[in-house]
Amino acid sequence: GGIVSRIVLKGKGSSSNEAFTNIQGSATYPIKYDLTRAIG
């Protein structure tokens, strides 16, 4: 069967909104936040 990999990325911006937008540039595929468990 398949495998699940853990990936950690970093984004930076003048605001949280911009940081969330910029981090997409480090990802190979689109990012989905529907399953986010926590924000610190």
All heavy atoms as atom14 arrays in JSON, in Angstrom:
{
  "sequence": "GGIVSRIVLKGKGSSSNEAFTNIQGSATYPIKYDLTRAIG",
  "atom14_mask": [
    [1, 1, 1, 1, 0, 0, 0, 0, 0, 0, 0, 0, 0, 0],
    [1, 1, 1, 1, 0, 0, 0, 0, 0, 0, 0, 0, 0, 0],
    [1, 1, 1, 1, 1, 1, 1, 1, 0, 0, 0, 0, 0, 0],
    [1, 1, 1, 1, 1, 1, 1, 0, 0, 0, 0, 0, 0, 0],
    [1, 1, 1, 1, 1, 1, 0, 0, 0, 0, 0, 0, 0, 0],
    [1, 1, 1, 1, 1, 1, 1, 1, 1, 1, 1, 0, 0, 0],
    [1, 1, 1, 1, 1, 1, 1, 1, 0, 0, 0, 0, 0, 0],
    [1, 1, 1, 1, 1, 1, 1, 0, 0, 0, 0, 0, 0, 0],
    [1, 1, 1, 1, 1, 1, 1, 1, 0, 0, 0, 0, 0, 0],
    [1, 1, 1, 1, 1, 1, 1, 1, 1, 0, 0, 0, 0, 0],
    [1, 1, 1, 1, 0, 0, 0, 0, 0, 0, 0, 0, 0, 0],
    [1, 1, 1, 1, 1, 1, 1, 1, 1, 0, 0, 0, 0, 0],
    [1, 1, 1, 1, 0, 0, 0, 0, 0, 0, 0, 0, 0, 0],
    [1, 1, 1, 1, 1, 1, 0, 0, 0, 0, 0, 0, 0, 0],
    [1, 1, 1, 1, 1, 1, 0, 0, 0, 0, 0, 0, 0, 0],
    [1, 1, 1, 1, 1, 1, 0, 0, 0, 0, 0, 0, 0, 0],
    [1, 1, 1, 1, 1, 1, 1, 1, 0, 0, 0, 0, 0, 0],
    [1, 1, 1, 1, 1, 1, 1, 1, 1, 0, 0, 0, 0, 0],
    [1, 1, 1, 1, 1, 0, 0, 0, 0, 0, 0, 0, 0, 0],
    [1, 1, 1, 1, 1, 1, 1, 1, 1, 1, 1, 0, 0, 0],
    [1, 1, 1, 1, 1, 1, 1, 0, 0, 0, 0, 0, 0, 0],
    [1, 1, 1, 1, 1, 1, 1, 1, 0, 0, 0, 0, 0, 0],
    [1, 1, 1, 1, 1, 1, 1, 1, 0, 0, 0, 0, 0, 0],
    [1, 1, 1, 1, 1, 1, 1, 1, 1, 0, 0, 0, 0, 0],
    [1, 1, 1, 1, 0, 0, 0, 0, 0, 0, 0, 0, 0, 0],
    [1, 1, 1, 1, 1, 1, 0, 0, 0, 0, 0, 0, 0, 0],
    [1, 1, 1, 1, 1, 0, 0, 0, 0, 0, 0, 0, 0, 0],
    [1, 1, 1, 1, 1, 1, 1, 0, 0, 0, 0, 0, 0, 0],
    [1, 1, 1, 1, 1, 1, 1, 1, 1, 1, 1, 1, 0, 0],
    [1, 1, 1, 1, 1, 1, 1, 0, 0, 0, 0, 0, 0, 0],
    [1, 1, 1, 1, 1, 1, 1, 1, 0, 0, 0, 0, 0, 0],
    [1, 1, 1, 1, 1, 1, 1, 1, 1, 0, 0, 0, 0, 0],
    [1, 1, 1, 1, 1, 1, 1, 1, 1, 1, 1, 1, 0, 0],
    [1, 1, 1, 1, 1, 1, 1, 1, 0, 0, 0, 0, 0, 0],
    [1, 1, 1, 1, 1, 1, 1, 1, 0, 0, 0, 0, 0, 0],
    [1, 1, 1, 1, 1, 1, 1, 0, 0, 0, 0, 0, 0, 0],
    [1, 1, 1, 1, 1, 1, 1, 1, 1, 1, 1, 0, 0, 0],
    [1, 1, 1, 1, 1, 0, 0, 0, 0, 0, 0, 0, 0, 0],
    [1, 1, 1, 1, 1, 1, 1, 1, 0, 0, 0, 0, 0, 0],
    [1, 1, 1, 1, 0, 0, 0, 0, 0, 0, 0, 0, 0, 0]
  ],
  "atom14_positions": [
    [[0.82, -1.21, 0.0], [0.0, 0.0, 0.0], [0.85, 1.26, 0.0], [2.07, 1.22, -0.2], [0.0, 0.0, 0.0], [0.0, 0.0, 0.0], [0.0, 0.0, 0.0], [0.0, 0.0, 0.0], [0.0, 0.0, 0.0], [0.0, 0.0, 0.0], [0.0, 0.0, 0.0], [0.0, 0.0, 0.0], [0.0, 0.0, 0.0], [0.0, 0.0, 0.0]],
    [[0.2, 2.39, 0.22], [0.88, 3.67, 0.13], [1.62, 4.05, 1.39], [1.56, 3.36, 2.41], [0.0, 0.0, 0.0], [0.0, 0.0, 0.0], [0.0, 0.0, 0.0], [0.0, 0.0, 0.0], [0.0, 0.0, 0.0], [0.0, 0.0, 0.0], [0.0, 0.0, 0.0], [0.0, 0.0, 0.0], [0.0, 0.0, 0.0], [0.0, 0.0, 0.0]],
    [[2.31, 5.16, 1.32], [3.05, 5.69, 2.46], [2.65, 7.14, 2.67], [2.13, 7.8, 1.77], [4.58, 5.6, 2.25], [4.98, 6.39, 0.98], [5.02, 4.15, 2.16], [6.47, 6.48, 0.78], [0.0, 0.0, 0.0], [0.0, 0.0, 0.0], [0.0, 0.0, 0.0], [0.0, 0.0, 0.0], [0.0, 0.0, 0.0], [0.0, 0.0, 0.0]],
    [[2.87, 7.63, 3.88], [2.57, 9.01, 4.21], [3.85, 9.68, 4.67], [4.54, 9.17, 5.56], [1.49, 9.1, 5.3], [1.29, 10.55, 5.72], [0.18, 8.52, 4.82], [0.0, 0.0, 0.0], [0.0, 0.0, 0.0], [0.0, 0.0, 0.0], [0.0, 0.0, 0.0], [0.0, 0.0, 0.0], [0.0, 0.0, 0.0], [0.0, 0.0, 0.0]],
    [[4.18, 10.8, 4.08], [5.42, 11.52, 4.41], [5.1, 12.8, 5.16], [4.07, 13.44, 4.93], [6.19, 11.87, 3.13], [6.54, 10.7, 2.42], [0.0, 0.0, 0.0], [0.0, 0.0, 0.0], [0.0, 0.0, 0.0], [0.0, 0.0, 0.0], [0.0, 0.0, 0.0], [0.0, 0.0, 0.0], [0.0, 0.0, 0.0], [0.0, 0.0, 0.0]],
    [[6.0, 13.17, 6.08], [5.89, 14.42, 6.83], [6.82, 15.43, 6.21], [8.01, 15.17, 6.02], [6.24, 14.2, 8.3], [6.22, 15.48, 9.15], [6.59, 15.17, 10.59], [6.48, 16.34, 11.44], [7.49, 17.15, 11.76], [8.71, 16.9, 11.27], [7.31, 18.2, 12.55], [0.0, 0.0, 0.0], [0.0, 0.0, 0.0], [0.0, 0.0, 0.0]],
    [[6.3, 16.62, 5.92], [7.08, 17.68, 5.29], [6.91, 18.95, 6.11], [5.79, 19.29, 6.52], [6.62, 17.92, 3.83], [6.87, 16.68, 2.99], [7.33, 19.13, 3.24], [6.31, 16.76, 1.6], [0.0, 0.0, 0.0], [0.0, 0.0, 0.0], [0.0, 0.0, 0.0], [0.0, 0.0, 0.0], [0.0, 0.0, 0.0], [0.0, 0.0, 0.0]],
    [[8.0, 19.65, 6.38], [7.97, 20.91, 7.11], [8.5, 22.02, 6.2], [9.59, 21.89, 5.63], [8.82, 20.84, 8.4], [8.85, 22.19, 9.09], [8.26, 19.78, 9.34], [0.0, 0.0, 0.0], [0.0, 0.0, 0.0], [0.0, 0.0, 0.0], [0.0, 0.0, 0.0], [0.0, 0.0, 0.0], [0.0, 0.0, 0.0], [0.0, 0.0, 0.0]],
    [[7.75, 23.09, 6.06], [8.13, 24.21, 5.2], [8.1, 25.51, 6.0], [7.47, 25.6, 7.06], [7.17, 24.32, 4.01], [7.08, 23.12, 3.07], [6.04, 23.39, 1.98], [8.43, 22.8, 2.45], [0.0, 0.0, 0.0], [0.0, 0.0, 0.0], [0.0, 0.0, 0.0], [0.0, 0.0, 0.0], [0.0, 0.0, 0.0], [0.0, 0.0, 0.0]],
    [[8.77, 26.52, 5.46], [8.79, 27.84, 6.07], [8.44, 28.88, 5.02], [8.92, 28.85, 3.9], [10.17, 28.15, 6.67], [10.26, 29.55, 7.28], [11.67, 29.86, 7.8], [11.74, 31.28, 8.35], [13.09, 31.62, 8.84], [0.0, 0.0, 0.0], [0.0, 0.0, 0.0], [0.0, 0.0, 0.0], [0.0, 0.0, 0.0], [0.0, 0.0, 0.0]],
    [[7.56, 29.81, 5.41], [7.23, 30.94, 4.56], [7.43, 32.23, 5.32], [7.44, 32.24, 6.55], [0.0, 0.0, 0.0], [0.0, 0.0, 0.0], [0.0, 0.0, 0.0], [0.0, 0.0, 0.0], [0.0, 0.0, 0.0], [0.0, 0.0, 0.0], [0.0, 0.0, 0.0], [0.0, 0.0, 0.0], [0.0, 0.0, 0.0], [0.0, 0.0, 0.0]],
    [[7.59, 33.32, 4.61], [7.85, 34.61, 5.25], [7.13, 35.71, 4.5], [7.01, 35.67, 3.28], [9.36, 34.87, 5.29], [9.78, 36.06, 6.14], [11.29, 36.15, 6.23], [11.74, 37.32, 7.09], [13.21, 37.4, 7.2], [0.0, 0.0, 0.0], [0.0, 0.0, 0.0], [0.0, 0.0, 0.0], [0.0, 0.0, 0.0], [0.0, 0.0, 0.0]],
    [[6.64, 36.69, 5.24], [5.97, 37.81, 4.61], [5.78, 38.95, 5.59], [6.09, 38.84, 6.78], [0.0, 0.0, 0.0], [0.0, 0.0, 0.0], [0.0, 0.0, 0.0], [0.0, 0.0, 0.0], [0.0, 0.0, 0.0], [0.0, 0.0, 0.0], [0.0, 0.0, 0.0], [0.0, 0.0, 0.0], [0.0, 0.0, 0.0], [0.0, 0.0, 0.0]],
    [[5.25, 40.04, 5.12], [5.03, 41.2, 5.98], [3.83, 41.0, 6.9], [3.65, 41.75, 7.85], [4.8, 42.45, 5.12], [3.68, 42.27, 4.26], [0.0, 0.0, 0.0], [0.0, 0.0, 0.0], [0.0, 0.0, 0.0], [0.0, 0.0, 0.0], [0.0, 0.0, 0.0], [0.0, 0.0, 0.0], [0.0, 0.0, 0.0], [0.0, 0.0, 0.0]],
    [[3.02, 39.98, 6.61], [1.86, 39.65, 7.43], [1.66, 38.15, 7.4], [2.26, 37.43, 6.59], [0.6, 40.37, 6.92], [0.27, 39.89, 5.62], [0.0, 0.0, 0.0], [0.0, 0.0, 0.0], [0.0, 0.0, 0.0], [0.0, 0.0, 0.0], [0.0, 0.0, 0.0], [0.0, 0.0, 0.0], [0.0, 0.0, 0.0], [0.0, 0.0, 0.0]],
    [[0.78, 37.65, 8.27], [0.46, 36.22, 8.26], [-0.14, 35.81, 6.93], [0.18, 34.74, 6.39], [-0.51, 35.89, 9.4], [0.09, 36.09, 10.65], [0.0, 0.0, 0.0], [0.0, 0.0, 0.0], [0.0, 0.0, 0.0], [0.0, 0.0, 0.0], [0.0, 0.0, 0.0], [0.0, 0.0, 0.0], [0.0, 0.0, 0.0], [0.0, 0.0, 0.0]],
    [[-1.01, 36.63, 6.41], [-1.64, 36.34, 5.13], [-0.59, 36.16, 4.04], [-0.63, 35.21, 3.25], [-2.6, 37.49, 4.77], [-3.44, 37.15, 3.55], [-3.42, 36.03, 3.05], [-4.19, 38.12, 3.07], [0.0, 0.0, 0.0], [0.0, 0.0, 0.0], [0.0, 0.0, 0.0], [0.0, 0.0, 0.0], [0.0, 0.0, 0.0], [0.0, 0.0, 0.0]],
    [[0.39, 37.07, 4.01], [1.43, 37.0, 2.99], [2.34, 35.79, 3.22], [2.78, 35.14, 2.25], [2.26, 38.28, 3.01], [3.24, 38.4, 1.85], [3.91, 39.75, 1.81], [3.2, 40.77, 1.91], [5.16, 39.8, 1.68], [0.0, 0.0, 0.0], [0.0, 0.0, 0.0], [0.0, 0.0, 0.0], [0.0, 0.0, 0.0], [0.0, 0.0, 0.0]],
    [[2.6, 35.46, 4.48], [3.44, 34.29, 4.78], [2.76, 33.0, 4.31], [3.4, 32.11, 3.75], [3.72, 34.22, 6.28], [0.0, 0.0, 0.0], [0.0, 0.0, 0.0], [0.0, 0.0, 0.0], [0.0, 0.0, 0.0], [0.0, 0.0, 0.0], [0.0, 0.0, 0.0], [0.0, 0.0, 0.0], [0.0, 0.0, 0.0], [0.0, 0.0, 0.0]],
    [[1.45, 32.9, 4.54], [0.69, 31.74, 4.06], [0.73, 31.66, 2.53], [0.81, 30.58, 1.95], [-0.75, 31.79, 4.55], [-0.97, 31.14, 5.88], [-0.81, 31.84, 7.07], [-1.35, 29.8, 5.95], [-1.02, 31.23, 8.3], [-1.56, 29.18, 7.18], [-1.39, 29.91, 8.35], [0.0, 0.0, 0.0], [0.0, 0.0, 0.0], [0.0, 0.0, 0.0]],
    [[0.66, 32.82, 1.88], [0.69, 32.84, 0.42], [2.07, 32.46, -0.1], [2.2, 31.66, -1.05], [0.31, 34.24, -0.09], [-1.0, 34.59, 0.37], [0.33, 34.29, -1.62], [0.0, 0.0, 0.0], [0.0, 0.0, 0.0], [0.0, 0.0, 0.0], [0.0, 0.0, 0.0], [0.0, 0.0, 0.0], [0.0, 0.0, 0.0], [0.0, 0.0, 0.0]],
    [[3.12, 32.99, 0.52], [4.48, 32.75, 0.03], [4.96, 31.33, 0.26], [5.81, 30.82, -0.49], [5.45, 33.74, 0.69], [5.23, 35.17, 0.21], [4.62, 35.39, -0.83], [5.7, 36.14, 0.98], [0.0, 0.0, 0.0], [0.0, 0.0, 0.0], [0.0, 0.0, 0.0], [0.0, 0.0, 0.0], [0.0, 0.0, 0.0], [0.0, 0.0, 0.0]],
    [[4.45, 30.66, 1.29], [4.91, 29.3, 1.57], [4.52, 28.34, 0.45], [5.15, 27.29, 0.28], [4.37, 28.81, 2.94], [5.28, 27.71, 3.5], [2.93, 28.34, 2.83], [4.96, 27.32, 4.92], [0.0, 0.0, 0.0], [0.0, 0.0, 0.0], [0.0, 0.0, 0.0], [0.0, 0.0, 0.0], [0.0, 0.0, 0.0], [0.0, 0.0, 0.0]],
    [[3.5, 28.71, -0.3], [3.08, 27.86, -1.41], [4.2, 27.7, -2.44], [4.31, 26.67, -3.11], [1.84, 28.45, -2.09], [1.3, 27.67, -3.27], [0.78, 26.29, -2.89], [-0.23, 26.16, -2.22], [1.5, 25.25, -3.3], [0.0, 0.0, 0.0], [0.0, 0.0, 0.0], [0.0, 0.0, 0.0], [0.0, 0.0, 0.0], [0.0, 0.0, 0.0]],
    [[5.06, 28.71, -2.53], [6.16, 28.63, -3.48], [7.2, 27.58, -3.14], [8.01, 27.2, -3.99], [0.0, 0.0, 0.0], [0.0, 0.0, 0.0], [0.0, 0.0, 0.0], [0.0, 0.0, 0.0], [0.0, 0.0, 0.0], [0.0, 0.0, 0.0], [0.0, 0.0, 0.0], [0.0, 0.0, 0.0], [0.0, 0.0, 0.0], [0.0, 0.0, 0.0]],
    [[7.2, 27.09, -1.88], [8.14, 26.06, -1.46], [7.57, 24.65, -1.63], [8.28, 23.67, -1.45], [8.52, 26.26, 0.01], [9.05, 27.55, 0.23], [0.0, 0.0, 0.0], [0.0, 0.0, 0.0], [0.0, 0.0, 0.0], [0.0, 0.0, 0.0], [0.0, 0.0, 0.0], [0.0, 0.0, 0.0], [0.0, 0.0, 0.0], [0.0, 0.0, 0.0]],
    [[6.28, 24.57, -1.94], [5.61, 23.27, -2.03], [5.55, 22.78, -3.47], [5.38, 23.57, -4.4], [4.21, 23.37, -1.45], [0.0, 0.0, 0.0], [0.0, 0.0, 0.0], [0.0, 0.0, 0.0], [0.0, 0.0, 0.0], [0.0, 0.0, 0.0], [0.0, 0.0, 0.0], [0.0, 0.0, 0.0], [0.0, 0.0, 0.0], [0.0, 0.0, 0.0]],
    [[5.68, 21.48, -3.62], [5.58, 20.89, -4.96], [4.14, 20.92, -5.46], [3.9, 21.14, -6.65], [6.08, 19.43, -4.93], [7.38, 19.4, -4.34], [6.14, 18.85, -6.33], [0.0, 0.0, 0.0], [0.0, 0.0, 0.0], [0.0, 0.0, 0.0], [0.0, 0.0, 0.0], [0.0, 0.0, 0.0], [0.0, 0.0, 0.0], [0.0, 0.0, 0.0]],
    [[3.2, 20.69, -4.54], [1.8, 20.59, -4.91], [0.97, 21.64, -4.15], [1.46, 22.26, -3.21], [1.27, 19.19, -4.59], [2.03, 18.08, -5.26], [2.69, 17.11, -4.5], [2.11, 18.0, -6.65], [3.4, 16.09, -5.11], [2.82, 16.98, -7.27], [3.46, 16.03, -6.5], [4.16, 15.02, -7.11], [0.0, 0.0, 0.0], [0.0, 0.0, 0.0]],
    [[-0.29, 21.82, -4.53], [-1.16, 22.75, -3.79], [-1.29, 22.36, -2.33], [-1.25, 21.18, -1.98], [-2.51, 22.62, -4.52], [-2.17, 22.11, -5.88], [-0.97, 21.23, -5.7], [0.0, 0.0, 0.0], [0.0, 0.0, 0.0], [0.0, 0.0, 0.0], [0.0, 0.0, 0.0], [0.0, 0.0, 0.0], [0.0, 0.0, 0.0], [0.0, 0.0, 0.0]],
    [[-1.47, 23.37, -1.48], [-1.59, 23.15, -0.03], [-3.04, 23.33, 0.37], [-3.7, 24.29, -0.01], [-0.7, 24.14, 0.74], [0.77, 23.88, 0.45], [-0.97, 24.03, 2.24], [1.7, 24.9, 1.08], [0.0, 0.0, 0.0], [0.0, 0.0, 0.0], [0.0, 0.0, 0.0], [0.0, 0.0, 0.0], [0.0, 0.0, 0.0], [0.0, 0.0, 0.0]],
    [[-3.54, 22.37, 1.17], [-4.89, 22.44, 1.7], [-4.83, 22.6, 3.22], [-4.11, 21.89, 3.9], [-5.68, 21.17, 1.36], [-5.82, 20.91, -0.14], [-6.68, 21.96, -0.81], [-6.86, 21.65, -2.29], [-7.68, 22.69, -2.96], [0.0, 0.0, 0.0], [0.0, 0.0, 0.0], [0.0, 0.0, 0.0], [0.0, 0.0, 0.0], [0.0, 0.0, 0.0]],
    [[-5.62, 23.56, 3.75], [-5.62, 23.83, 5.18], [-6.9, 23.36, 5.87], [-7.14, 23.68, 7.04], [-5.42, 25.33, 5.43], [-4.04, 25.79, 5.03], [-3.8, 26.36, 3.77], [-2.96, 25.65, 5.9], [-2.53, 26.77, 3.4], [-1.69, 26.06, 5.53], [-1.48, 26.62, 4.28], [-0.22, 27.02, 3.91], [0.0, 0.0, 0.0], [0.0, 0.0, 0.0]],
    [[-7.71, 22.59, 5.17], [-8.98, 22.13, 5.72], [-8.78, 21.23, 6.94], [-9.67, 21.14, 7.79], [-9.78, 21.36, 4.66], [-9.91, 22.13, 3.36], [-8.87, 22.3, 2.68], [-11.02, 22.56, 3.03], [0.0, 0.0, 0.0], [0.0, 0.0, 0.0], [0.0, 0.0, 0.0], [0.0, 0.0, 0.0], [0.0, 0.0, 0.0], [0.0, 0.0, 0.0]],
    [[-7.66, 20.51, 7.02], [-7.43, 19.54, 8.08], [-6.5, 20.07, 9.18], [-6.03, 19.3, 10.01], [-6.84, 18.25, 7.51], [-7.68, 17.55, 6.44], [-6.98, 16.28, 5.96], [-9.07, 17.23, 6.96], [0.0, 0.0, 0.0], [0.0, 0.0, 0.0], [0.0, 0.0, 0.0], [0.0, 0.0, 0.0], [0.0, 0.0, 0.0], [0.0, 0.0, 0.0]],
    [[-6.26, 21.37, 9.2], [-5.39, 21.95, 10.21], [-5.93, 21.69, 11.61], [-7.09, 21.98, 11.91], [-5.25, 23.47, 9.99], [-4.7, 23.71, 8.69], [-4.33, 24.08, 11.03], [0.0, 0.0, 0.0], [0.0, 0.0, 0.0], [0.0, 0.0, 0.0], [0.0, 0.0, 0.0], [0.0, 0.0, 0.0], [0.0, 0.0, 0.0], [0.0, 0.0, 0.0]],
    [[-5.07, 21.13, 12.47], [-5.48, 20.8, 13.84], [-5.25, 21.93, 14.82], [-6.0, 22.11, 15.77], [-4.7, 19.57, 14.33], [-5.36, 18.25, 14.22], [-5.57, 17.75, 12.86], [-6.05, 16.36, 12.91], [-6.26, 15.62, 11.84], [-6.07, 16.13, 10.65], [-6.71, 14.38, 11.95], [0.0, 0.0, 0.0], [0.0, 0.0, 0.0], [0.0, 0.0, 0.0]],
    [[-4.16, 22.69, 14.64], [-3.81, 23.71, 15.62], [-2.95, 24.78, 14.97], [-2.24, 24.53, 13.99], [-3.06, 23.08, 16.81], [0.0, 0.0, 0.0], [0.0, 0.0, 0.0], [0.0, 0.0, 0.0], [0.0, 0.0, 0.0], [0.0, 0.0, 0.0], [0.0, 0.0, 0.0], [0.0, 0.0, 0.0], [0.0, 0.0, 0.0], [0.0, 0.0, 0.0]],
    [[-3.0, 25.97, 15.55], [-2.11, 27.07, 15.15], [-1.5, 27.65, 16.42], [-2.21, 27.94, 17.39], [-2.86, 28.16, 14.37], [-3.25, 27.65, 12.98], [-2.0, 29.42, 14.24], [-3.92, 28.68, 12.1], [0.0, 0.0, 0.0], [0.0, 0.0, 0.0], [0.0, 0.0, 0.0], [0.0, 0.0, 0.0], [0.0, 0.0, 0.0], [0.0, 0.0, 0.0]],
    [[-0.18, 27.8, 16.4], [0.52, 28.33, 17.55], [1.22, 29.63, 17.24], [1.46, 29.97, 16.07], [0.0, 0.0, 0.0], [0.0, 0.0, 0.0], [0.0, 0.0, 0.0], [0.0, 0.0, 0.0], [0.0, 0.0, 0.0], [0.0, 0.0, 0.0], [0.0, 0.0, 0.0], [0.0, 0.0, 0.0], [0.0, 0.0, 0.0], [0.0, 0.0, 0.0]]
  ]
}
